[in-house]
PDB file of N, CA and C in Angstrom:
ATOM      1  N   MET A   1     -25.438 -27.806  -4.402  1.00  0.00           N
ATOM      2  CA  MET A   1     -27.039 -27.948  -5.020  1.00  0.00           C
ATOM      3  C   MET A   1     -28.523 -26.681  -5.104  1.00  0.00           C
ATOM      4  N   LYS A   2     -28.000 -26.113  -4.087  1.00  0.00           N
ATOM      5  CA  LYS A   2     -28.768 -25.088  -3.930  1.00  0.00           C
ATOM      6  C   LYS A   2     -28.384 -24.063  -4.502  1.00  0.00           C
ATOM      7  N   LYS A   3     -27.445 -24.145  -4.663  1.00  0.00           N
ATOM      8  CA  LYS A   3     -26.846 -22.406  -5.659  1.00  0.00           C
ATOM      9  C   LYS A   3     -27.137 -22.836  -7.327  1.00  0.00           C
ATOM     10  N   ILE A   4     -27.770 -24.026  -7.349  1.00  0.00           N
ATOM     11  CA  ILE A   4     -28.095 -24.468  -8.886  1.00  0.00           C
ATOM     12  C   ILE A   4     -29.265 -23.648  -8.708  1.00  0.00           C
ATOM     13  N   ASN A   5     -30.633 -24.642  -7.437  1.00  0.00           N
ATOM     14  CA  ASN A   5     -31.806 -24.766  -7.131  1.00  0.00           C
ATOM     15  C   ASN A   5     -31.667 -23.270  -7.382  1.00  0.00           C
ATOM     16  N   PHE A   6     -31.263 -22.302  -7.084  1.00  0.00           N
ATOM     17  CA  PHE A   6     -31.610 -20.939  -6.900  1.00  0.00           C
ATOM     18  C   PHE A   6     -32.209 -20.439  -7.859  1.00  0.00           C
ATOM     19  N   LEU A   7     -30.393 -20.410  -8.744  1.00  0.00           N
ATOM     20  CA  LEU A   7     -30.716 -20.195  -9.786  1.00  0.00           C
ATOM     21  C   LEU A   7     -31.594 -20.803 -10.968  1.00  0.00           C
ATOM     22  N   MET A   8     -32.100 -21.794 -10.900  1.00  0.00           N
ATOM     23  CA  MET A   8     -33.365 -22.455 -11.671  1.00  0.00           C
ATOM     24  C   MET A   8     -34.924 -22.010 -11.198  1.00  0.00           C
ATOM     25  N   LYS A   9     -35.007 -21.545  -9.826  1.00  0.00           N
ATOM     26  CA  LYS A   9     -36.041 -20.593  -9.498  1.00  0.00           C
ATOM     27  C   LYS A   9     -36.405 -19.024 -10.319  1.00  0.00           C
ATOM     28  N   LEU A  10     -35.052 -18.490 -10.027  1.00  0.00           N
ATOM     29  CA  LEU A  10     -35.452 -17.406 -10.779  1.00  0.00           C
ATOM     30  C   LEU A  10     -35.115 -17.238 -12.148  1.00  0.00           C
ATOM     31  N   HIS A  11     -34.667 -18.130 -13.074  1.00  0.00           N
ATOM     32  CA  HIS A  11     -34.521 -18.102 -14.094  1.00  0.00           C
ATOM     33  C   HIS A  11     -36.229 -18.788 -14.751  1.00  0.00           C
ATOM     34  N   LYS A  12     -37.241 -19.021 -13.803  1.00  0.00           N
ATOM     35  CA  LYS A  12     -38.192 -19.902 -13.722  1.00  0.00           C
ATOM     36  C   LYS A  12     -39.092 -18.568 -13.788  1.00  0.00           C
ATOM     37  N   GLU A  13     -38.842 -17.761 -13.257  1.00  0.00           N
ATOM     38  CA  GLU A  13     -39.374 -16.496 -12.439  1.00  0.00           C
ATOM     39  C   GLU A  13     -39.171 -15.521 -13.264  1.00  0.00           C
ATOM     40  N   ASN A  14     -38.682 -15.402 -14.291  1.00  0.00           N
ATOM     41  CA  ASN A  14     -37.970 -14.581 -15.189  1.00  0.00           C
ATOM     42  C   ASN A  14     -37.429 -13.485 -14.678  1.00  0.00           C
ATOM     43  N   LYS A  15     -36.420 -13.683 -13.788  1.00  0.00           N
ATOM     44  CA  LYS A  15     -35.818 -12.653 -12.987  1.00  0.00           C
ATOM     45  C   LYS A  15     -34.607 -12.864 -13.253  1.00  0.00           C
ATOM     46  N   LEU A  16     -33.554 -13.315 -14.065  1.00  0.00           N
ATOM     47  CA  LEU A  16     -32.195 -13.258 -14.493  1.00  0.00           C
ATOM     48  C   LEU A  16     -32.598 -12.678 -16.287  1.00  0.00           C
ATOM     49  N   LEU A  17     -31.553 -11.534 -16.340  1.00  0.00           N
ATOM     50  CA  LEU A  17     -31.229 -11.339 -17.508  1.00  0.00           C
ATOM     51  C   LEU A  17     -30.073 -11.277 -18.382  1.00  0.00           C
ATOM     52  N   VAL A  18     -29.990 -11.364 -19.691  1.00  0.00           N
ATOM     53  CA  VAL A  18     -28.927 -11.764 -20.045  1.00  0.00           C
ATOM     54  C   VAL A  18     -28.200 -10.525 -20.316  1.00  0.00           C
ATOM     55  N   VAL A  19     -26.927  -9.849 -20.191  1.00  0.00           N
ATOM     56  CA  VAL A  19     -26.894  -8.829 -20.261  1.00  0.00           C
ATOM     57  C   VAL A  19     -25.480  -8.706 -21.127  1.00  0.00           C
ATOM     58  N   GLU A  20     -25.236  -7.572 -22.035  1.00  0.00           N
ATOM     59  CA  GLU A  20     -23.690  -7.709 -22.674  1.00  0.00           C
ATOM     60  C   GLU A  20     -22.835  -7.428 -21.698  1.00  0.00           C
ATOM     61  N   PRO A  21     -21.970  -7.882 -22.545  1.00  0.00           N
ATOM     62  CA  PRO A  21     -20.335  -8.222 -21.536  1.00  0.00           C
ATOM     63  C   PRO A  21     -19.797  -6.676 -21.315  1.00  0.00           C
ATOM     64  N   SER A  22     -19.479  -6.346 -20.037  1.00  0.00           N
ATOM     65  CA  SER A  22     -18.952  -4.717 -19.641  1.00  0.00           C
ATOM     66  C   SER A  22     -17.220  -4.873 -19.339  1.00  0.00           C
ATOM     67  N   ASN A  23     -17.057  -3.698 -20.316  1.00  0.00           N
ATOM     68  CA  ASN A  23     -15.306  -3.602 -20.227  1.00  0.00           C
ATOM     69  C   ASN A  23     -15.220  -3.181 -18.896  1.00  0.00           C
ATOM     70  N   GLU A  24     -16.048  -2.711 -18.198  1.00  0.00           N
ATOM     71  CA  GLU A  24     -15.202  -1.893 -16.653  1.00  0.00           C
ATOM     72  C   GLU A  24     -15.288  -2.977 -15.729  1.00  0.00           C
ATOM     73  N   VAL A  25     -16.337  -3.970 -16.166  1.00  0.00           N
ATOM     74  CA  VAL A  25     -16.455  -5.292 -14.742  1.00  0.00           C
ATOM     75  C   VAL A  25     -14.854  -6.325 -15.753  1.00  0.00           C
ATOM     76  N   LYS A  26     -14.946  -6.137 -16.706  1.00  0.00           N
ATOM     77  CA  LYS A  26     -13.701  -6.994 -17.017  1.00  0.00           C
ATOM     78  C   LYS A  26     -12.558  -6.428 -16.395  1.00  0.00           C
ATOM     79  N   GLU A  27     -12.242  -5.159 -16.741  1.00  0.00           N
ATOM     80  CA  GLU A  27     -10.861  -4.347 -16.175  1.00  0.00           C
ATOM     81  C   GLU A  27     -10.845  -5.098 -14.792  1.00  0.00           C
ATOM     82  N   ALA A  28     -12.039  -4.514 -14.286  1.00  0.00           N
ATOM     83  CA  ALA A  28     -11.863  -4.628 -12.975  1.00  0.00           C
ATOM     84  C   ALA A  28     -11.324  -5.826 -12.038  1.00  0.00           C
ATOM     85  N   TYR A  29     -11.996  -6.991 -13.329  1.00  0.00           N
ATOM     86  CA  TYR A  29     -11.657  -8.304 -12.542  1.00  0.00           C
ATOM     87  C   TYR A  29     -10.326  -8.703 -13.208  1.00  0.00           C
ATOM     88  N   TRP A  30      -9.726  -8.472 -14.332  1.00  0.00           N
ATOM     89  CA  TRP A  30      -8.725  -8.360 -14.508  1.00  0.00           C
ATOM     90  C   TRP A  30      -7.264  -7.680 -14.112  1.00  0.00           C
ATOM     91  N   GLN A  31      -8.029  -6.798 -13.529  1.00  0.00           N
ATOM     92  CA  GLN A  31      -6.528  -5.664 -12.207  1.00  0.00           C
ATOM     93  C   GLN A  31      -6.904  -6.622 -11.375  1.00  0.00           C
ATOM     94  N   ARG A  32      -7.753  -6.835 -10.806  1.00  0.00           N
ATOM     95  CA  ARG A  32      -7.971  -7.925  -9.125  1.00  0.00           C
ATOM     96  C   ARG A  32      -6.867  -9.320  -9.954  1.00  0.00           C
ATOM     97  N   SER A  33      -7.480  -9.704 -10.536  1.00  0.00           N
ATOM     98  CA  SER A  33      -6.200 -11.214 -10.954  1.00  0.00           C
ATOM     99  C   SER A  33      -4.891 -10.869 -11.216  1.00  0.00           C
ATOM    100  N   ASN A  34      -4.895  -9.717 -11.960  1.00  0.00           N
ATOM    101  CA  ASN A  34      -3.295  -9.264 -11.954  1.00  0.00           C
ATOM    102  C   ASN A  34      -2.525  -9.069 -10.412  1.00  0.00           C
ATOM    103  N   GLU A  35      -3.718  -8.465  -9.100  1.00  0.00           N
ATOM    104  CA  GLU A  35      -3.310  -7.546  -8.128  1.00  0.00           C
ATOM    105  C   GLU A  35      -3.021  -9.388  -7.901  1.00  0.00           C
ATOM    106  N   SER A  36      -3.683  -9.988  -7.733  1.00  0.00           N
ATOM    107  CA  SER A  36      -3.838 -11.317  -6.646  1.00  0.00           C
ATOM    108  C   SER A  36      -2.227 -12.166  -7.491  1.00  0.00           C
ATOM    109  N   LEU A  37      -2.087 -12.712  -9.050  1.00  0.00           N
ATOM    110  CA  LEU A  37      -1.088 -13.181  -9.283  1.00  0.00           C
ATOM    111  C   LEU A  37      -0.269 -12.252  -8.468  1.00  0.00           C
ATOM    112  N   SER A  38       0.053 -11.432  -8.303  1.00  0.00           N
ATOM    113  CA  SER A  38       1.597 -10.907  -8.416  1.00  0.00           C
ATOM    114  C   SER A  38       1.488 -10.900  -6.811  1.00  0.00           C
ATOM    115  N   SER A  39       0.557 -10.987  -5.949  1.00  0.00           N
ATOM    116  CA  SER A  39       0.803 -11.562  -4.210  1.00  0.00           C
ATOM    117  C   SER A  39       1.281 -13.020  -4.402  1.00  0.00           C
ATOM    118  N   ALA A  40       0.795 -13.331  -5.027  1.00  0.00           N
ATOM    119  CA  ALA A  40       0.925 -15.045  -4.789  1.00  0.00           C
ATOM    120  C   ALA A  40       2.719 -14.981  -5.477  1.00  0.00           C
ATOM    121  N   LYS A  41       2.958 -14.543  -6.526  1.00  0.00           N
ATOM    122  CA  LYS A  41       4.413 -14.612  -6.847  1.00  0.00           C
ATOM    123  C   LYS A  41       5.034 -14.014  -5.666  1.00  0.00           C
ATOM    124  N   ALA A  42       4.772 -12.758  -5.247  1.00  0.00           N
ATOM    125  CA  ALA A  42       5.728 -12.737  -4.093  1.00  0.00           C
ATOM    126  C   ALA A  42       5.649 -13.564  -2.827  1.00  0.00           C
ATOM    127  N   SER A  43       4.558 -13.626  -2.742  1.00  0.00           N
ATOM    128  CA  SER A  43       4.620 -14.912  -1.489  1.00  0.00           C
ATOM    129  C   SER A  43       5.915 -16.231  -1.753  1.00  0.00           C
ATOM    130  N   ILE A  44       5.781 -16.770  -2.522  1.00  0.00           N
ATOM    131  CA  ILE A  44       6.745 -17.826  -3.423  1.00  0.00           C
ATOM    132  C   ILE A  44       8.065 -17.453  -3.495  1.00  0.00           C
ATOM    133  N   LYS A  45       8.216 -16.337  -4.058  1.00  0.00           N
ATOM    134  CA  LYS A  45       9.402 -16.009  -3.461  1.00  0.00           C
ATOM    135  C   LYS A  45       9.926 -15.976  -2.073  1.00  0.00           C
ATOM    136  N   THR A  46       9.405 -15.010  -0.966  1.00  0.00           N
ATOM    137  CA  THR A  46       9.202 -14.861  -0.017  1.00  0.00           C
ATOM    138  C   THR A  46       9.267 -16.568   0.727  1.00  0.00           C
ATOM    139  N   ALA A  47       8.791 -17.588   0.415  1.00  0.00           N
ATOM    140  CA  ALA A  47       8.827 -18.925   0.465  1.00  0.00           C
ATOM    141  C   ALA A  47       9.988 -19.333   0.563  1.00  0.00           C
ATOM    142  N   GLU A  48      10.305 -19.486  -1.058  1.00  0.00           N
ATOM    143  CA  GLU A  48      11.716 -19.907  -1.584  1.00  0.00           C
ATOM    144  C   GLU A  48      12.855 -19.446  -1.586  1.00  0.00           C
ATOM    145  N   GLU A  49      13.235 -18.471  -0.927  1.00  0.00           N
ATOM    146  CA  GLU A  49      14.221 -17.687  -0.429  1.00  0.00           C
ATOM    147  C   GLU A  49      14.530 -17.875   1.348  1.00  0.00           C
ATOM    148  N   PHE A  50      13.032 -18.046   1.803  1.00  0.00           N
ATOM    149  CA  PHE A  50      13.114 -18.710   3.688  1.00  0.00           C
ATOM    150  C   PHE A  50      13.986 -20.276   3.607  1.00  0.00           C
ATOM    151  N   ILE A  51      13.207 -21.142   2.535  1.00  0.00           N
ATOM    152  CA  ILE A  51      13.580 -22.524   2.507  1.00  0.00           C
ATOM    153  C   ILE A  51      15.303 -22.671   2.389  1.00  0.00           C
ATOM    154  N   SER A  52      15.484 -21.982   1.113  1.00  0.00           N
ATOM    155  CA  SER A  52      16.722 -21.711   0.721  1.00  0.00           C
ATOM    156  C   SER A  52      17.933 -21.009   1.749  1.00  0.00           C
ATOM    157  N   GLU A  53      17.495 -19.826   2.986  1.00  0.00           N
ATOM    158  CA  GLU A  53      18.423 -20.085   4.181  1.00  0.00           C
ATOM    159  C   GLU A  53      18.191 -20.973   5.203  1.00  0.00           C
ATOM    160  N   MET A  54      16.853 -21.374   5.265  1.00  0.00           N
ATOM    161  CA  MET A  54      17.337 -22.865   6.194  1.00  0.00           C
ATOM    162  C   MET A  54      18.214 -23.753   5.366  1.00  0.00           C
ATOM    163  N   HIS A  55      17.995 -24.128   4.504  1.00  0.00           N
ATOM    164  CA  HIS A  55      18.737 -25.406   3.805  1.00  0.00           C
ATOM    165  C   HIS A  55      20.276 -24.950   3.853  1.00  0.00           C
ATOM    166  N   ASP A  56      20.692 -23.674   3.668  1.00  0.00           N
ATOM    167  CA  ASP A  56      21.995 -23.174   4.373  1.00  0.00           C
ATOM    168  C   ASP A  56      22.486 -23.582   5.434  1.00  0.00           C
ATOM    169  N   PHE A  57      21.556 -22.899   6.571  1.00  0.00           N
ATOM    170  CA  PHE A  57      21.644 -22.989   7.429  1.00  0.00           C
ATOM    171  C   PHE A  57      21.705 -24.335   8.358  1.00  0.00           C
ATOM    172  N   ILE A  58      21.383 -24.988   7.878  1.00  0.00           N
ATOM    173  CA  ILE A  58      20.983 -26.306   8.153  1.00  0.00           C
ATOM    174  C   ILE A  58      22.579 -27.010   7.435  1.00  0.00           C
ATOM    175  N   ALA A  59      22.489 -26.928   6.798  1.00  0.00           N
ATOM    176  CA  ALA A  59      23.483 -27.470   6.031  1.00  0.00           C
ATOM    177  C   ALA A  59      24.912 -27.522   6.751  1.00  0.00           C
ATOM    178  N   LYS A  60      25.137 -26.618   7.023  1.00  0.00           N
ATOM    179  CA  LYS A  60      26.621 -26.077   7.558  1.00  0.00           C
ATOM    180  C   LYS A  60      26.796 -26.239   9.288  1.00  0.00           C
ATOM    181  N   LEU A  61      25.362 -27.171  10.065  1.00  0.00           N
ATOM    182  CA  LEU A  61      25.666 -27.221  10.819  1.00  0.00           C
ATOM    183  C   LEU A  61      26.534 -28.402  11.308  1.00  0.00           C
ATOM    184  N   THR A  62      27.011 -28.260  12.510  1.00  0.00           N
ATOM    185  CA  THR A  62      27.637 -29.323  12.767  1.00  0.00           C
ATOM    186  C   THR A  62      27.079 -30.831  13.926  1.00  0.00           C
ATOM    187  N   GLU A  63      27.216 -31.699  13.651  1.00  0.00           N
ATOM    188  CA  GLU A  63      26.700 -32.907  14.485  1.00  0.00           C
ATOM    189  C   GLU A  63      26.439 -32.091  16.020  1.00  0.00           C
ATOM    190  N   GLU A  64      27.560 -31.447  16.883  1.00  0.00           N
ATOM    191  CA  GLU A  64      27.032 -30.911  18.183  1.00  0.00           C
ATOM    192  C   GLU A  64      26.543 -30.017  17.966  1.00  0.00           C
ATOM    193  N   GLU A  65      25.764 -28.859  16.727  1.00  0.00           N
ATOM    194  CA  GLU A  65      24.953 -27.610  17.607  1.00  0.00           C
ATOM    195  C   GLU A  65      23.846 -28.000  16.838  1.00  0.00           C
ATOM    196  N   THR A  66      23.433 -29.785  15.901  1.00  0.00           N
ATOM    197  CA  THR A  66      22.304 -30.103  15.661  1.00  0.00           C
ATOM    198  C   THR A  66      21.622 -30.523  16.889  1.00  0.00           C
ATOM    199  N   LYS A  67      22.587 -31.375  17.832  1.00  0.00           N
ATOM    200  CA  LYS A  67      22.057 -31.814  18.769  1.00  0.00           C
ATOM    201  C   LYS A  67      21.335 -30.687  19.635  1.00  0.00           C
ATOM    202  N   SER A  68      22.449 -29.520  20.044  1.00  0.00           N
ATOM    203  CA  SER A  68      22.340 -28.223  20.628  1.00  0.00           C
ATOM    204  C   SER A  68      20.955 -27.645  20.189  1.00  0.00           C
ATOM    205  N   TYR A  69      20.297 -27.526  18.899  1.00  0.00           N
ATOM    206  CA  TYR A  69      19.577 -26.568  18.604  1.00  0.00           C
ATOM    207  C   TYR A  69      18.037 -28.157  18.571  1.00  0.00           C
ATOM    208  N   ARG A  70      18.111 -28.863  18.790  1.00  0.00           N
ATOM    209  CA  ARG A  70      17.714 -30.283  18.664  1.00  0.00           C
ATOM    210  C   ARG A  70      16.634 -30.288  20.673  1.00  0.00           C
ATOM    211  N   GLU A  71      17.600 -29.804  21.236  1.00  0.00           N
ATOM    212  CA  GLU A  71      17.089 -29.368  22.061  1.00  0.00           C
ATOM    213  C   GLU A  71      16.804 -28.498  22.614  1.00  0.00           C
ATOM    214  N   LYS A  72      17.143 -27.521  22.453  1.00  0.00           N
ATOM    215  CA  LYS A  72      16.367 -26.484  22.286  1.00  0.00           C
ATOM    216  C   LYS A  72      14.803 -25.855  21.922  1.00  0.00           C
ATOM    217  N   ALA A  73      14.423 -26.586  20.776  1.00  0.00           N
ATOM    218  CA  ALA A  73      13.387 -26.983  19.935  1.00  0.00           C
ATOM    219  C   ALA A  73      12.214 -28.086  20.605  1.00  0.00           C
ATOM    220  N   ILE A  74      13.034 -29.059  22.014  1.00  0.00           N
ATOM    221  CA  ILE A  74      11.802 -29.525  22.140  1.00  0.00           C
ATOM    222  C   ILE A  74      11.879 -28.764  23.422  1.00  0.00           C
ATOM    223  N   GLN A  75      12.874 -28.069  23.922  1.00  0.00           N
ATOM    224  CA  GLN A  75      12.358 -27.220  25.635  1.00  0.00           C
ATOM    225  C   GLN A  75      11.150 -26.410  24.915  1.00  0.00           C
ATOM    226  N   LEU A  76      11.180 -25.874  23.552  1.00  0.00           N
ATOM    227  CA  LEU A  76      10.323 -24.474  22.788  1.00  0.00           C
ATOM    228  C   LEU A  76       9.313 -25.428  22.828  1.00  0.00           C
ATOM    229  N   PHE A  77       8.551 -26.566  22.809  1.00  0.00           N
ATOM    230  CA  PHE A  77       7.656 -27.267  22.162  1.00  0.00           C
ATOM    231  C   PHE A  77       7.009 -27.894  23.671  1.00  0.00           C
ATOM    232  N   SER A  78       7.991 -28.180  24.697  1.00  0.00           N
ATOM    233  CA  SER A  78       7.608 -28.911  26.257  1.00  0.00           C
ATOM    234  C   SER A  78       7.171 -27.344  26.547  1.00  0.00           C
ATOM    235  N   GLU A  79       7.484 -26.473  26.446  1.00  0.00           N
ATOM    236  CA  GLU A  79       6.866 -24.800  27.689  1.00  0.00           C
ATOM    237  C   GLU A  79       5.205 -25.061  26.643  1.00  0.00           C
ATOM    238  N   ASP A  80       5.227 -24.978  25.456  1.00  0.00           N
ATOM    239  CA  ASP A  80       3.988 -24.634  25.039  1.00  0.00           C
ATOM    240  C   ASP A  80       3.230 -25.476  25.696  1.00  0.00           C
ATOM    241  N   ASP A  81       3.906 -27.193  25.759  1.00  0.00           N
ATOM    242  CA  ASP A  81       2.556 -27.973  26.373  1.00  0.00           C
ATOM    243  C   ASP A  81       2.117 -27.704  27.606  1.00  0.00           C
ATOM    244  N   GLU A  82       3.019 -26.753  28.442  1.00  0.00           N
ATOM    245  CA  GLU A  82       2.852 -26.585  30.020  1.00  0.00           C
ATOM    246  C   GLU A  82       1.886 -25.466  30.119  1.00  0.00           C
ATOM    247  N   ASN A  83       1.711 -24.672  29.254  1.00  0.00           N
ATOM    248  CA  ASN A  83       0.805 -23.724  29.050  1.00  0.00           C
ATOM    249  C   ASN A  83      -0.717 -23.575  28.711  1.00  0.00           C
TER     250      ASN A  83
END
């Protein structure tokens, strides 16, 4: 609400101006938007690859290996609790 009230106040004081759209500003926003989209796509791809690798790793584990890794994980988390 504060932002709206602030804009209303500026409007009443005739401090807001209507300006023509700027191609420079539009292009800058467009470029930053594309950069953000590219970054997000790369992050998603990395996450998907990691999840796929983890899924493959887990699928190949034997029951004995699963128990061993579970015990190691418990030890690691227990060490964090001690610090």
